[in-house]
Amino acid sequence: MLLALDTCTNSPSIALYAAQGIVGETTWRTREHHTRSLMPEIARLLELVAVEPQQLQAIAAATGPGSFTGLRIGLSAAKGLAYSLNVALLGVPTLDITASAGALLALPLCAAMSTGRGRYAAALYEIKAQTPVRTSDYWFGTAEMLAPQIAERVREPFVLLGEMDDTLPEQVRAYAGERMTLAPRALQLRRAGFLAELAWRRWQAGERANVETLAPYYVPTAALA
């Protein structure tokens, strides 16, 4: 049994995953209350599906980009649980989780997310064997900065998806036109079930992060200027 924690934004999400798939999942909106809500929600989910902490075999966490506070809280909780239970720890980049929601769309993907102060993070992905493979660097900046880069790099129809307001999609469409399809809102919200599935595959393949050295990936300071 694997427990997945995603606290990168104001929409934290947690999930339990086993060989048969998702066992339980919850996603909620919060206003920087991760500290107060995360551990009670974990306890509630475990109780809901009748799983004891001792049954957990691995803990996975979203590693960013994302909010400074959210990442710190989520990764600290994951490390603490992995250490105390003596189980595997895995880290998965946030935009990999976002891209996973589009695994069956059969088009190149641009995964993006708001990072605050009118700025965004984005990256391009291809789906191979239902797994997102990043094909670009991480990009950071305003919608006006990112839209032409995205449209220039992707010269074929693609899907834009991720947790963001309407500004970036509008700017990208101004450059890419009908080549861009905006994913439905239900796919834009990150869900820990996608994180759990990615982490489960990596864990089954033998991956395991170091509890002491696994670090969050924050938005570069230059992107906030």
C-alpha atoms as a PDB file:
ATOM      1  CA  MET A   1       0.000   0.000   0.000  1.00  0.00           C
ATOM      2  CA  LEU A   2       1.311   3.432  -1.026  1.00  0.00           C
ATOM      3  CA  LEU A   3       0.243   6.784   0.396  1.00  0.00           C
ATOM      4  CA  ALA A   4       0.596   9.801  -1.932  1.00  0.00           C
ATOM      5  CA  LEU A   5       0.671  13.435  -0.768  1.00  0.00           C
ATOM      6  CA  ASP A   6       0.356  16.478  -3.039  1.00  0.00           C
ATOM      7  CA  THR A   7       0.361  19.829  -1.242  1.00  0.00           C
ATOM      8  CA  CYS A   8       1.902  22.014  -3.953  1.00  0.00           C
ATOM      9  CA  THR A   9      -1.014  24.452  -4.227  1.00  0.00           C
ATOM     10  CA  ASN A  10      -4.194  25.469  -2.416  1.00  0.00           C
ATOM     11  CA  SER A  11      -5.776  22.251  -3.709  1.00  0.00           C
ATOM     12  CA  PRO A  12      -4.019  19.540  -1.677  1.00  0.00           C
ATOM     13  CA  SER A  13      -4.796  15.928  -2.475  1.00  0.00           C
ATOM     14  CA  ILE A  14      -3.967  12.565  -0.911  1.00  0.00           C
ATOM     15  CA  ALA A  15      -4.505   9.009  -2.130  1.00  0.00           C
ATOM     16  CA  LEU A  16      -3.960   5.407  -1.152  1.00  0.00           C
ATOM     17  CA  TYR A  17      -2.858   3.028  -3.878  1.00  0.00           C
ATOM     18  CA  ALA A  18      -2.378  -0.739  -4.037  1.00  0.00           C
ATOM     19  CA  ALA A  19      -1.723  -3.290  -6.758  1.00  0.00           C
ATOM     20  CA  GLN A  20      -5.384  -3.171  -7.821  1.00  0.00           C
ATOM     21  CA  GLY A  21      -5.342   0.619  -8.166  1.00  0.00           C
ATOM     22  CA  ILE A  22      -6.686   3.531  -6.115  1.00  0.00           C
ATOM     23  CA  VAL A  23      -8.049   2.457  -2.741  1.00  0.00           C
ATOM     24  CA  GLY A  24      -9.120   5.911  -1.592  1.00  0.00           C
ATOM     25  CA  GLU A  25      -8.558   9.526  -2.520  1.00  0.00           C
ATOM     26  CA  THR A  26      -9.530  12.996  -1.308  1.00  0.00           C
ATOM     27  CA  THR A  27      -8.906  16.462  -2.757  1.00  0.00           C
ATOM     28  CA  TRP A  28      -9.956  19.727  -1.163  1.00  0.00           C
ATOM     29  CA  ARG A  29      -9.523  23.480  -1.377  1.00  0.00           C
ATOM     30  CA  THR A  30      -7.711  25.296   1.388  1.00  0.00           C
ATOM     31  CA  ARG A  31      -6.287  28.753   2.048  1.00  0.00           C
ATOM     32  CA  GLU A  32      -2.758  27.979   3.211  1.00  0.00           C
ATOM     33  CA  HIS A  33      -4.088  25.706   5.963  1.00  0.00           C
ATOM     34  CA  HIS A  34      -2.053  22.673   4.940  1.00  0.00           C
ATOM     35  CA  THR A  35      -0.533  22.384   8.407  1.00  0.00           C
ATOM     36  CA  ARG A  36      -3.918  22.030  10.067  1.00  0.00           C
ATOM     37  CA  SER A  37      -5.651  19.907   7.462  1.00  0.00           C
ATOM     38  CA  LEU A  38      -3.073  17.476   6.068  1.00  0.00           C
ATOM     39  CA  MET A  39      -2.540  15.029   8.929  1.00  0.00           C
ATOM     40  CA  PRO A  40      -6.256  14.918   9.936  1.00  0.00           C
ATOM     41  CA  GLU A  41      -7.166  14.182   6.306  1.00  0.00           C
ATOM     42  CA  ILE A  42      -4.586  11.389   6.151  1.00  0.00           C
ATOM     43  CA  ALA A  43      -6.010   9.881   9.342  1.00  0.00           C
ATOM     44  CA  ARG A  44      -9.557  10.233   8.013  1.00  0.00           C
ATOM     45  CA  LEU A  45      -8.705   8.538   4.717  1.00  0.00           C
ATOM     46  CA  LEU A  46      -6.950   5.655   6.440  1.00  0.00           C
ATOM     47  CA  GLU A  47      -9.960   5.174   8.707  1.00  0.00           C
ATOM     48  CA  LEU A  48     -12.405   5.442   5.807  1.00  0.00           C
ATOM     49  CA  VAL A  49     -10.818   2.533   3.920  1.00  0.00           C
ATOM     50  CA  ALA A  50      -9.850   0.584   7.078  1.00  0.00           C
ATOM     51  CA  VAL A  51      -6.086   0.769   6.519  1.00  0.00           C
ATOM     52  CA  GLU A  52      -3.669   0.882   9.445  1.00  0.00           C
ATOM     53  CA  PRO A  53      -0.497   2.992   9.171  1.00  0.00           C
ATOM     54  CA  GLN A  54       1.545  -0.173   9.608  1.00  0.00           C
ATOM     55  CA  GLN A  55       0.121  -1.470   6.305  1.00  0.00           C
ATOM     56  CA  LEU A  56       1.780   1.321   4.348  1.00  0.00           C
ATOM     57  CA  GLN A  57       4.801   0.206   2.334  1.00  0.00           C
ATOM     58  CA  ALA A  58       5.717   3.450   0.585  1.00  0.00           C
ATOM     59  CA  ILE A  59       5.099   7.198   0.809  1.00  0.00           C
ATOM     60  CA  ALA A  60       5.120   9.459  -2.244  1.00  0.00           C
ATOM     61  CA  ALA A  61       5.179  13.250  -2.377  1.00  0.00           C
ATOM     62  CA  ALA A  62       4.905  15.874  -5.091  1.00  0.00           C
ATOM     63  CA  THR A  63       8.258  17.654  -5.204  1.00  0.00           C
ATOM     64  CA  GLY A  64       7.393  20.836  -7.095  1.00  0.00           C
ATOM     65  CA  PRO A  65       7.330  23.310  -8.542  1.00  0.00           C
ATOM     66  CA  GLY A  66       4.738  24.720  -6.204  1.00  0.00           C
ATOM     67  CA  SER A  67       4.187  27.038  -3.282  1.00  0.00           C
ATOM     68  CA  PHE A  68       7.050  27.302  -0.801  1.00  0.00           C
ATOM     69  CA  THR A  69       4.862  26.577   2.229  1.00  0.00           C
ATOM     70  CA  GLY A  70       2.827  23.811   0.628  1.00  0.00           C
ATOM     71  CA  LEU A  71       5.875  21.950  -0.663  1.00  0.00           C
ATOM     72  CA  ARG A  72       7.670  22.220   2.660  1.00  0.00           C
ATOM     73  CA  ILE A  73       4.690  20.880   4.608  1.00  0.00           C
ATOM     74  CA  GLY A  74       3.959  18.007   2.242  1.00  0.00           C
ATOM     75  CA  LEU A  75       7.535  16.845   1.891  1.00  0.00           C
ATOM     76  CA  SER A  76       8.154  17.117   5.638  1.00  0.00           C
ATOM     77  CA  ALA A  77       5.089  14.983   6.324  1.00  0.00           C
ATOM     78  CA  ALA A  78       6.149  12.406   3.728  1.00  0.00           C
ATOM     79  CA  LYS A  79       9.667  12.203   5.102  1.00  0.00           C
ATOM     80  CA  GLY A  80       8.419  11.915   8.658  1.00  0.00           C
ATOM     81  CA  LEU A  81       6.031   9.097   7.787  1.00  0.00           C
ATOM     82  CA  ALA A  82       8.604   7.236   5.684  1.00  0.00           C
ATOM     83  CA  TYR A  83      11.179   7.484   8.456  1.00  0.00           C
ATOM     84  CA  SER A  84       8.872   6.526  11.320  1.00  0.00           C
ATOM     85  CA  LEU A  85       7.323   3.602   9.433  1.00  0.00           C
ATOM     86  CA  ASN A  86      10.653   2.569   7.850  1.00  0.00           C
ATOM     87  CA  VAL A  87       9.146   2.422   4.363  1.00  0.00           C
ATOM     88  CA  ALA A  88      10.167   3.627   0.898  1.00  0.00           C
ATOM     89  CA  LEU A  89       9.993   7.306  -0.021  1.00  0.00           C
ATOM     90  CA  LEU A  90       9.432   8.563  -3.568  1.00  0.00           C
ATOM     91  CA  GLY A  91       9.277  12.039  -5.081  1.00  0.00           C
ATOM     92  CA  VAL A  92       7.426  12.967  -8.274  1.00  0.00           C
ATOM     93  CA  PRO A  93       7.599  16.367 -10.027  1.00  0.00           C
ATOM     94  CA  THR A  94       4.356  18.325  -9.904  1.00  0.00           C
ATOM     95  CA  LEU A  95       3.994  18.840 -13.648  1.00  0.00           C
ATOM     96  CA  ASP A  96       4.488  15.099 -14.249  1.00  0.00           C
ATOM     97  CA  ILE A  97       1.374  14.609 -12.107  1.00  0.00           C
ATOM     98  CA  THR A  98      -0.506  17.234 -14.099  1.00  0.00           C
ATOM     99  CA  ALA A  99       0.478  15.630 -17.393  1.00  0.00           C
ATOM    100  CA  SER A 100      -0.682  12.211 -16.219  1.00  0.00           C
ATOM    101  CA  ALA A 101      -4.285  13.408 -16.326  1.00  0.00           C
ATOM    102  CA  GLY A 102      -3.931  13.692 -20.106  1.00  0.00           C
ATOM    103  CA  ALA A 103      -2.424  10.249 -20.653  1.00  0.00           C
ATOM    104  CA  LEU A 104      -5.246   9.097 -22.932  1.00  0.00           C
ATOM    105  CA  LEU A 105      -5.690  12.283 -24.953  1.00  0.00           C
ATOM    106  CA  ALA A 106      -3.330  11.091 -27.729  1.00  0.00           C
ATOM    107  CA  LEU A 107      -1.857  14.550 -28.295  1.00  0.00           C
ATOM    108  CA  PRO A 108       1.278  16.343 -27.107  1.00  0.00           C
ATOM    109  CA  LEU A 109       0.668  18.060 -23.783  1.00  0.00           C
ATOM    110  CA  CYS A 110       1.645  21.350 -22.231  1.00  0.00           C
ATOM    111  CA  ALA A 111       1.278  20.966 -18.470  1.00  0.00           C
ATOM    112  CA  ALA A 112       1.074  24.271 -16.617  1.00  0.00           C
ATOM    113  CA  MET A 113       0.214  25.685 -13.220  1.00  0.00           C
ATOM    114  CA  SER A 114      -0.158  29.069 -11.573  1.00  0.00           C
ATOM    115  CA  THR A 115       2.692  29.900  -9.214  1.00  0.00           C
ATOM    116  CA  GLY A 116       1.299  33.173  -7.864  1.00  0.00           C
ATOM    117  CA  ARG A 117       1.751  36.857  -8.660  1.00  0.00           C
ATOM    118  CA  GLY A 118       0.549  36.364 -12.230  1.00  0.00           C
ATOM    119  CA  ARG A 119       3.242  33.836 -13.069  1.00  0.00           C
ATOM    120  CA  TYR A 120       3.181  30.236 -14.244  1.00  0.00           C
ATOM    121  CA  ALA A 121       5.281  27.115 -14.577  1.00  0.00           C
ATOM    122  CA  ALA A 122       4.990  24.999 -17.713  1.00  0.00           C
ATOM    123  CA  ALA A 123       6.605  22.092 -19.540  1.00  0.00           C
ATOM    124  CA  LEU A 124       5.917  19.987 -22.624  1.00  0.00           C
ATOM    125  CA  TYR A 125       5.216  16.271 -22.485  1.00  0.00           C
ATOM    126  CA  GLU A 126       4.656  13.263 -24.680  1.00  0.00           C
ATOM    127  CA  ILE A 127       2.800  10.222 -23.384  1.00  0.00           C
ATOM    128  CA  LYS A 128       4.633   6.930 -23.793  1.00  0.00           C
ATOM    129  CA  ALA A 129       3.092   3.729 -22.441  1.00  0.00           C
ATOM    130  CA  GLN A 130       0.560   5.900 -20.534  1.00  0.00           C
ATOM    131  CA  THR A 131       3.416   7.669 -18.764  1.00  0.00           C
ATOM    132  CA  PRO A 132       4.278  11.364 -19.231  1.00  0.00           C
ATOM    133  CA  VAL A 133       7.768  12.008 -20.586  1.00  0.00           C
ATOM    134  CA  ARG A 134       8.952  15.620 -20.372  1.00  0.00           C
ATOM    135  CA  THR A 135      10.336  16.925 -23.661  1.00  0.00           C
ATOM    136  CA  SER A 136      11.273  20.483 -22.673  1.00  0.00           C
ATOM    137  CA  ASP A 137      12.896  22.431 -19.905  1.00  0.00           C
ATOM    138  CA  TYR A 138      10.718  23.844 -17.149  1.00  0.00           C
ATOM    139  CA  TRP A 139       9.555  27.313 -18.148  1.00  0.00           C
ATOM    140  CA  PHE A 140       8.649  30.032 -15.671  1.00  0.00           C
ATOM    141  CA  GLY A 141       7.187  33.487 -16.230  1.00  0.00           C
ATOM    142  CA  THR A 142       4.107  35.516 -17.016  1.00  0.00           C
ATOM    143  CA  ALA A 143       1.506  34.426 -19.546  1.00  0.00           C
ATOM    144  CA  GLU A 144       2.873  37.010 -21.976  1.00  0.00           C
ATOM    145  CA  MET A 145       6.343  35.484 -21.664  1.00  0.00           C
ATOM    146  CA  LEU A 146       5.348  31.824 -21.881  1.00  0.00           C
ATOM    147  CA  ALA A 147       2.647  31.863 -24.549  1.00  0.00           C
ATOM    148  CA  PRO A 148       4.925  32.564 -27.540  1.00  0.00           C
ATOM    149  CA  GLN A 149       7.465  29.979 -26.333  1.00  0.00           C
ATOM    150  CA  ILE A 150       4.784  27.308 -26.088  1.00  0.00           C
ATOM    151  CA  ALA A 151       3.245  28.148 -29.465  1.00  0.00           C
ATOM    152  CA  GLU A 152       6.643  28.260 -31.171  1.00  0.00           C
ATOM    153  CA  ARG A 153       7.819  24.957 -29.707  1.00  0.00           C
ATOM    154  CA  VAL A 154       4.641  22.957 -30.447  1.00  0.00           C
ATOM    155  CA  ARG A 155       3.811  23.209 -34.145  1.00  0.00           C
ATOM    156  CA  GLU A 156       1.083  20.561 -34.087  1.00  0.00           C
ATOM    157  CA  PRO A 157      -2.240  20.220 -32.232  1.00  0.00           C
ATOM    158  CA  PHE A 158      -1.707  19.965 -28.464  1.00  0.00           C
ATOM    159  CA  VAL A 159      -3.575  20.035 -25.173  1.00  0.00           C
ATOM    160  CA  LEU A 160      -2.996  22.634 -22.470  1.00  0.00           C
ATOM    161  CA  LEU A 161      -3.908  21.405 -19.016  1.00  0.00           C
ATOM    162  CA  GLY A 162      -3.224  22.280 -15.414  1.00  0.00           C
ATOM    163  CA  GLU A 163      -4.336  24.255 -12.392  1.00  0.00           C
ATOM    164  CA  MET A 164      -4.404  27.876 -13.601  1.00  0.00           C
ATOM    165  CA  ASP A 165      -6.682  30.824 -14.266  1.00  0.00           C
ATOM    166  CA  ASP A 166      -7.874  31.841 -17.740  1.00  0.00           C
ATOM    167  CA  THR A 167      -5.002  34.212 -18.536  1.00  0.00           C
ATOM    168  CA  LEU A 168      -2.441  31.694 -19.801  1.00  0.00           C
ATOM    169  CA  PRO A 169      -4.919  29.756 -22.001  1.00  0.00           C
ATOM    170  CA  GLU A 170      -6.102  33.024 -23.567  1.00  0.00           C
ATOM    171  CA  GLN A 171      -2.547  34.116 -24.305  1.00  0.00           C
ATOM    172  CA  VAL A 172      -1.526  30.730 -25.716  1.00  0.00           C
ATOM    173  CA  ARG A 173      -4.587  30.649 -27.971  1.00  0.00           C
ATOM    174  CA  ALA A 174      -3.688  34.110 -29.278  1.00  0.00           C
ATOM    175  CA  TYR A 175      -0.438  32.621 -30.607  1.00  0.00           C
ATOM    176  CA  ALA A 176      -1.368  28.992 -31.312  1.00  0.00           C
ATOM    177  CA  GLY A 177      -4.955  29.443 -32.445  1.00  0.00           C
ATOM    178  CA  GLU A 178      -6.906  26.243 -33.006  1.00  0.00           C
ATOM    179  CA  ARG A 179      -3.787  24.107 -32.510  1.00  0.00           C
ATOM    180  CA  MET A 180      -4.422  24.449 -28.763  1.00  0.00           C
ATOM    181  CA  THR A 181      -7.156  22.525 -27.002  1.00  0.00           C
ATOM    182  CA  LEU A 182      -7.835  23.419 -23.384  1.00  0.00           C
ATOM    183  CA  ALA A 183      -8.427  20.360 -21.210  1.00  0.00           C
ATOM    184  CA  PRO A 184     -11.738  20.125 -19.324  1.00  0.00           C
ATOM    185  CA  ARG A 185     -11.655  21.626 -15.834  1.00  0.00           C
ATOM    186  CA  ALA A 186     -12.009  18.186 -14.236  1.00  0.00           C
ATOM    187  CA  LEU A 187      -8.639  17.232 -15.739  1.00  0.00           C
ATOM    188  CA  GLN A 188      -6.980  20.509 -14.825  1.00  0.00           C
ATOM    189  CA  LEU A 189      -7.112  19.891 -11.069  1.00  0.00           C
ATOM    190  CA  ARG A 190      -4.224  17.707  -9.899  1.00  0.00           C
ATOM    191  CA  ARG A 191      -5.322  14.548  -8.115  1.00  0.00           C
ATOM    192  CA  ALA A 192      -3.107  12.488  -5.869  1.00  0.00           C
ATOM    193  CA  GLY A 193      -4.372   9.356  -7.601  1.00  0.00           C
ATOM    194  CA  PHE A 194      -2.198  10.261 -10.589  1.00  0.00           C
ATOM    195  CA  LEU A 195       0.759  10.920  -8.304  1.00  0.00           C
ATOM    196  CA  ALA A 196       0.156   7.573  -6.604  1.00  0.00           C
ATOM    197  CA  GLU A 197       0.048   5.681  -9.893  1.00  0.00           C
ATOM    198  CA  LEU A 198       3.283   7.249 -11.119  1.00  0.00           C
ATOM    199  CA  ALA A 199       4.997   6.614  -7.785  1.00  0.00           C
ATOM    200  CA  TRP A 200       3.730   3.021  -7.667  1.00  0.00           C
ATOM    201  CA  ARG A 201       5.271   2.260 -11.065  1.00  0.00           C
ATOM    202  CA  ARG A 202       8.582   3.806 -10.025  1.00  0.00           C
ATOM    203  CA  TRP A 203       8.582   1.980  -6.712  1.00  0.00           C
ATOM    204  CA  GLN A 204       7.831  -1.335  -8.426  1.00  0.00           C
ATOM    205  CA  ALA A 205      10.750  -0.607 -10.766  1.00  0.00           C
ATOM    206  CA  GLY A 206      13.052  -0.289  -7.759  1.00  0.00           C
ATOM    207  CA  GLU A 207      13.214   3.490  -7.280  1.00  0.00           C
ATOM    208  CA  ARG A 208      13.549   4.870  -3.792  1.00  0.00           C
ATOM    209  CA  ALA A 209      14.484   8.382  -2.680  1.00  0.00           C
ATOM    210  CA  ASN A 210      16.807   9.220   0.187  1.00  0.00           C
ATOM    211  CA  VAL A 211      14.856  10.543   3.167  1.00  0.00           C
ATOM    212  CA  GLU A 212      17.656  12.930   4.073  1.00  0.00           C
ATOM    213  CA  THR A 213      18.417  14.347   0.635  1.00  0.00           C
ATOM    214  CA  LEU A 214      15.074  14.470  -1.204  1.00  0.00           C
ATOM    215  CA  ALA A 215      14.415  18.181  -1.669  1.00  0.00           C
ATOM    216  CA  PRO A 216      11.548  20.254  -3.078  1.00  0.00           C
ATOM    217  CA  TYR A 217      11.898  22.068  -6.393  1.00  0.00           C
ATOM    218  CA  TYR A 218      10.855  25.651  -5.788  1.00  0.00           C
ATOM    219  CA  VAL A 219      10.113  28.243  -8.466  1.00  0.00           C
ATOM    220  CA  PRO A 220      13.473  29.908  -9.277  1.00  0.00           C
ATOM    221  CA  THR A 221      13.870  33.293  -7.633  1.00  0.00           C
ATOM    222  CA  ALA A 222      14.491  34.944 -10.997  1.00  0.00           C
ATOM    223  CA  ALA A 223      11.007  33.889 -12.129  1.00  0.00           C
ATOM    224  CA  LEU A 224       9.448  35.809  -9.243  1.00  0.00           C
ATOM    225  CA  ALA A 225      11.171  39.104 -10.012  1.00  0.00           C
END
